[in-house]
Amino acid sequence: MRYLHRLQTKDIALNYSMIPLGSCTMKLNAASEMLPITWPGFNKIHPFVPLEQVPGYIYMINNIIRWLKAITKFDGFSL
């Protein structure tokens, strides 16, 4: 929740500009849905780790991309 609050403070406020981007989704995400991003085994992976050491991440990312393509009918996604 602190992470989301930090993101919210970087957002554009209504009294200064236009409708802030992402404000609705940040308010609707439940704390229990955000819990996995606090797990050290999930969020502490080094960005340059060799791909053969992260097959679970590759599987998860490919599934998310496949689902998003099926839902939106877009050609591709970058995560």
N, C-alpha and C. Protein backbone atom coordinates (compact mmCIF):
# COMPACT_ATOMS: atom_id res chain seq x y z
N MET A 1 0.82 -1.19 0.00
CA MET A 1 0.00 0.00 0.00
C MET A 1 0.87 1.27 0.00
N ARG A 2 2.02 1.18 0.66
CA ARG A 2 2.91 2.34 0.65
C ARG A 2 3.41 2.62 -0.77
N TYR A 3 3.70 1.55 -1.50
CA TYR A 3 4.14 1.68 -2.89
C TYR A 3 3.07 2.41 -3.71
N LEU A 4 1.81 2.00 -3.55
CA LEU A 4 0.73 2.64 -4.28
C LEU A 4 0.57 4.10 -3.87
N HIS A 5 0.76 4.38 -2.59
CA HIS A 5 0.66 5.76 -2.13
C HIS A 5 1.75 6.61 -2.77
N ARG A 6 2.98 6.05 -2.87
CA ARG A 6 4.06 6.78 -3.52
C ARG A 6 3.72 7.06 -4.99
N LEU A 7 3.12 6.07 -5.67
CA LEU A 7 2.70 6.29 -7.05
C LEU A 7 1.62 7.37 -7.13
N GLN A 8 0.71 7.35 -6.19
CA GLN A 8 -0.38 8.33 -6.18
C GLN A 8 0.16 9.74 -6.02
N THR A 9 1.17 9.91 -5.18
CA THR A 9 1.72 11.26 -4.98
C THR A 9 2.44 11.78 -6.22
N LYS A 10 2.88 10.87 -7.11
CA LYS A 10 3.52 11.29 -8.35
C LYS A 10 2.51 11.58 -9.45
N ASP A 11 1.26 11.23 -9.22
CA ASP A 11 0.22 11.38 -10.22
C ASP A 11 -0.19 12.85 -10.36
N ILE A 12 -0.81 13.17 -11.47
CA ILE A 12 -1.31 14.52 -11.70
C ILE A 12 -2.62 14.69 -10.93
N ALA A 13 -2.77 15.76 -10.18
CA ALA A 13 -3.97 15.99 -9.37
C ALA A 13 -5.01 16.76 -10.18
N LEU A 14 -6.28 16.52 -9.86
CA LEU A 14 -7.38 17.21 -10.55
C LEU A 14 -7.31 18.72 -10.39
N ASN A 15 -6.91 19.19 -9.22
CA ASN A 15 -6.89 20.63 -9.00
C ASN A 15 -5.71 21.32 -9.70
N TYR A 16 -4.80 20.56 -10.27
CA TYR A 16 -3.68 21.15 -11.01
C TYR A 16 -3.76 20.91 -12.51
N SER A 17 -4.45 19.84 -12.92
CA SER A 17 -4.44 19.51 -14.34
C SER A 17 -5.67 18.69 -14.69
N MET A 18 -5.47 17.65 -15.47
CA MET A 18 -6.57 16.81 -15.94
C MET A 18 -6.87 15.69 -14.94
N ILE A 19 -7.77 14.79 -15.29
CA ILE A 19 -8.08 13.64 -14.44
C ILE A 19 -6.83 12.79 -14.31
N PRO A 20 -6.42 12.43 -13.10
CA PRO A 20 -5.19 11.67 -12.92
C PRO A 20 -5.29 10.27 -13.50
N LEU A 21 -4.26 9.87 -14.20
CA LEU A 21 -4.24 8.55 -14.81
C LEU A 21 -4.04 7.47 -13.77
N GLY A 22 -4.84 6.43 -13.81
CA GLY A 22 -4.69 5.30 -12.91
C GLY A 22 -5.26 5.50 -11.53
N SER A 23 -5.88 6.62 -11.25
CA SER A 23 -6.34 6.87 -9.88
C SER A 23 -7.43 5.89 -9.47
N CYS A 24 -8.31 5.53 -10.39
CA CYS A 24 -9.40 4.62 -10.04
C CYS A 24 -8.88 3.23 -9.72
N THR A 25 -7.98 2.72 -10.55
CA THR A 25 -7.49 1.37 -10.32
C THR A 25 -6.66 1.28 -9.05
N MET A 26 -5.93 2.34 -8.72
CA MET A 26 -5.14 2.30 -7.50
C MET A 26 -6.03 2.21 -6.26
N LYS A 27 -7.18 2.85 -6.31
CA LYS A 27 -8.08 2.82 -5.16
C LYS A 27 -8.80 1.48 -5.05
N LEU A 28 -9.01 0.81 -6.17
CA LEU A 28 -9.79 -0.42 -6.16
C LEU A 28 -8.96 -1.67 -5.88
N ASN A 29 -7.65 -1.60 -5.97
CA ASN A 29 -6.83 -2.78 -5.70
C ASN A 29 -6.84 -3.06 -4.20
N ALA A 30 -7.28 -4.25 -3.86
CA ALA A 30 -7.32 -4.64 -2.45
C ALA A 30 -5.91 -4.94 -1.95
N ALA A 31 -5.71 -4.74 -0.66
CA ALA A 31 -4.40 -5.01 -0.07
C ALA A 31 -4.01 -6.47 -0.25
N SER A 32 -4.97 -7.38 -0.19
CA SER A 32 -4.65 -8.80 -0.35
C SER A 32 -4.17 -9.12 -1.77
N GLU A 33 -4.63 -8.36 -2.75
CA GLU A 33 -4.17 -8.57 -4.12
C GLU A 33 -2.74 -8.05 -4.31
N MET A 34 -2.34 -7.11 -3.48
CA MET A 34 -1.01 -6.53 -3.60
C MET A 34 0.03 -7.29 -2.78
N LEU A 35 -0.39 -8.20 -1.94
CA LEU A 35 0.53 -8.93 -1.06
C LEU A 35 1.64 -9.66 -1.81
N PRO A 36 1.36 -10.37 -2.90
CA PRO A 36 2.44 -11.11 -3.57
C PRO A 36 3.61 -10.25 -4.04
N ILE A 37 3.39 -8.98 -4.35
CA ILE A 37 4.52 -8.17 -4.80
C ILE A 37 5.46 -7.82 -3.64
N THR A 38 5.08 -8.14 -2.42
CA THR A 38 5.97 -7.90 -1.28
C THR A 38 6.82 -9.12 -0.95
N TRP A 39 6.56 -10.27 -1.56
CA TRP A 39 7.32 -11.48 -1.28
C TRP A 39 8.73 -11.35 -1.85
N PRO A 40 9.76 -11.52 -1.01
CA PRO A 40 11.14 -11.38 -1.49
C PRO A 40 11.46 -12.31 -2.66
N GLY A 41 10.93 -13.51 -2.66
CA GLY A 41 11.20 -14.44 -3.75
C GLY A 41 10.58 -14.02 -5.06
N PHE A 42 9.64 -13.11 -5.00
CA PHE A 42 8.96 -12.65 -6.21
C PHE A 42 9.48 -11.30 -6.69
N ASN A 43 9.71 -10.39 -5.77
CA ASN A 43 10.05 -9.03 -6.20
C ASN A 43 11.54 -8.71 -6.11
N LYS A 44 12.36 -9.63 -5.66
CA LYS A 44 13.79 -9.35 -5.52
C LYS A 44 14.62 -9.99 -6.62
N ILE A 45 13.98 -10.39 -7.71
CA ILE A 45 14.72 -11.01 -8.80
C ILE A 45 15.56 -9.94 -9.51
N HIS A 46 16.80 -10.27 -9.83
CA HIS A 46 17.68 -9.33 -10.51
C HIS A 46 17.22 -9.16 -11.95
N PRO A 47 17.21 -7.94 -12.47
CA PRO A 47 16.69 -7.73 -13.83
C PRO A 47 17.51 -8.41 -14.93
N PHE A 48 18.77 -8.73 -14.66
CA PHE A 48 19.62 -9.35 -15.68
C PHE A 48 19.91 -10.82 -15.39
N VAL A 49 19.06 -11.47 -14.62
CA VAL A 49 19.26 -12.88 -14.31
C VAL A 49 19.15 -13.69 -15.61
N PRO A 50 19.97 -14.73 -15.79
CA PRO A 50 19.86 -15.55 -17.01
C PRO A 50 18.48 -16.20 -17.12
N LEU A 51 17.95 -16.26 -18.34
CA LEU A 51 16.60 -16.77 -18.56
C LEU A 51 16.42 -18.21 -18.11
N GLU A 52 17.48 -19.03 -18.19
CA GLU A 52 17.34 -20.43 -17.76
C GLU A 52 17.16 -20.56 -16.24
N GLN A 53 17.38 -19.49 -15.50
CA GLN A 53 17.20 -19.52 -14.05
C GLN A 53 15.81 -19.04 -13.61
N VAL A 54 14.99 -18.59 -14.54
CA VAL A 54 13.68 -18.06 -14.19
C VAL A 54 12.55 -18.65 -15.06
N PRO A 55 12.46 -19.97 -15.17
CA PRO A 55 11.42 -20.54 -16.04
C PRO A 55 10.00 -20.21 -15.55
N GLY A 56 9.81 -20.08 -14.24
CA GLY A 56 8.50 -19.74 -13.71
C GLY A 56 8.05 -18.34 -14.12
N TYR A 57 8.99 -17.39 -14.10
CA TYR A 57 8.67 -16.04 -14.54
C TYR A 57 8.32 -16.01 -16.02
N ILE A 58 9.10 -16.74 -16.82
CA ILE A 58 8.85 -16.78 -18.26
C ILE A 58 7.47 -17.37 -18.54
N TYR A 59 7.14 -18.45 -17.84
CA TYR A 59 5.82 -19.08 -18.00
C TYR A 59 4.70 -18.09 -17.63
N MET A 60 4.87 -17.42 -16.49
CA MET A 60 3.86 -16.48 -16.02
C MET A 60 3.69 -15.31 -17.00
N ILE A 61 4.79 -14.74 -17.44
CA ILE A 61 4.74 -13.59 -18.34
C ILE A 61 4.12 -13.98 -19.68
N ASN A 62 4.50 -15.14 -20.21
CA ASN A 62 3.93 -15.59 -21.48
C ASN A 62 2.43 -15.83 -21.36
N ASN A 63 1.98 -16.38 -20.23
CA ASN A 63 0.55 -16.58 -20.02
C ASN A 63 -0.20 -15.25 -19.95
N ILE A 64 0.36 -14.29 -19.23
CA ILE A 64 -0.28 -12.98 -19.13
C ILE A 64 -0.39 -12.33 -20.50
N ILE A 65 0.69 -12.41 -21.29
CA ILE A 65 0.67 -11.84 -22.64
C ILE A 65 -0.39 -12.53 -23.49
N ARG A 66 -0.44 -13.87 -23.43
CA ARG A 66 -1.43 -14.62 -24.21
C ARG A 66 -2.85 -14.23 -23.81
N TRP A 67 -3.10 -14.12 -22.51
CA TRP A 67 -4.45 -13.74 -22.04
C TRP A 67 -4.81 -12.32 -22.49
N LEU A 68 -3.88 -11.39 -22.35
CA LEU A 68 -4.16 -10.01 -22.75
C LEU A 68 -4.42 -9.90 -24.25
N LYS A 69 -3.67 -10.66 -25.05
CA LYS A 69 -3.89 -10.65 -26.49
C LYS A 69 -5.27 -11.21 -26.83
N ALA A 70 -5.69 -12.26 -26.13
CA ALA A 70 -7.01 -12.86 -26.38
C ALA A 70 -8.13 -11.91 -25.96
N ILE A 71 -7.94 -11.21 -24.85
CA ILE A 71 -8.98 -10.32 -24.34
C ILE A 71 -9.10 -9.06 -25.20
N THR A 72 -7.97 -8.46 -25.55
CA THR A 72 -7.98 -7.16 -26.22
C THR A 72 -7.90 -7.24 -27.73
N LYS A 73 -7.48 -8.38 -28.25
CA LYS A 73 -7.26 -8.58 -29.69
C LYS A 73 -6.10 -7.73 -30.21
N PHE A 74 -5.21 -7.26 -29.31
CA PHE A 74 -4.02 -6.58 -29.75
C PHE A 74 -3.02 -7.60 -30.29
N ASP A 75 -2.07 -7.15 -31.11
CA ASP A 75 -1.07 -8.05 -31.68
C ASP A 75 -0.01 -8.47 -30.68
N GLY A 76 0.29 -7.62 -29.71
CA GLY A 76 1.34 -7.95 -28.76
C GLY A 76 1.36 -7.01 -27.59
N PHE A 77 2.17 -7.38 -26.58
CA PHE A 77 2.32 -6.58 -25.36
C PHE A 77 3.77 -6.58 -24.93
N SER A 78 4.16 -5.56 -24.22
CA SER A 78 5.49 -5.48 -23.63
C SER A 78 5.30 -5.35 -22.11
N LEU A 79 5.86 -6.28 -21.38
CA LEU A 79 5.73 -6.25 -19.92
C LEU A 79 7.08 -5.98 -19.29
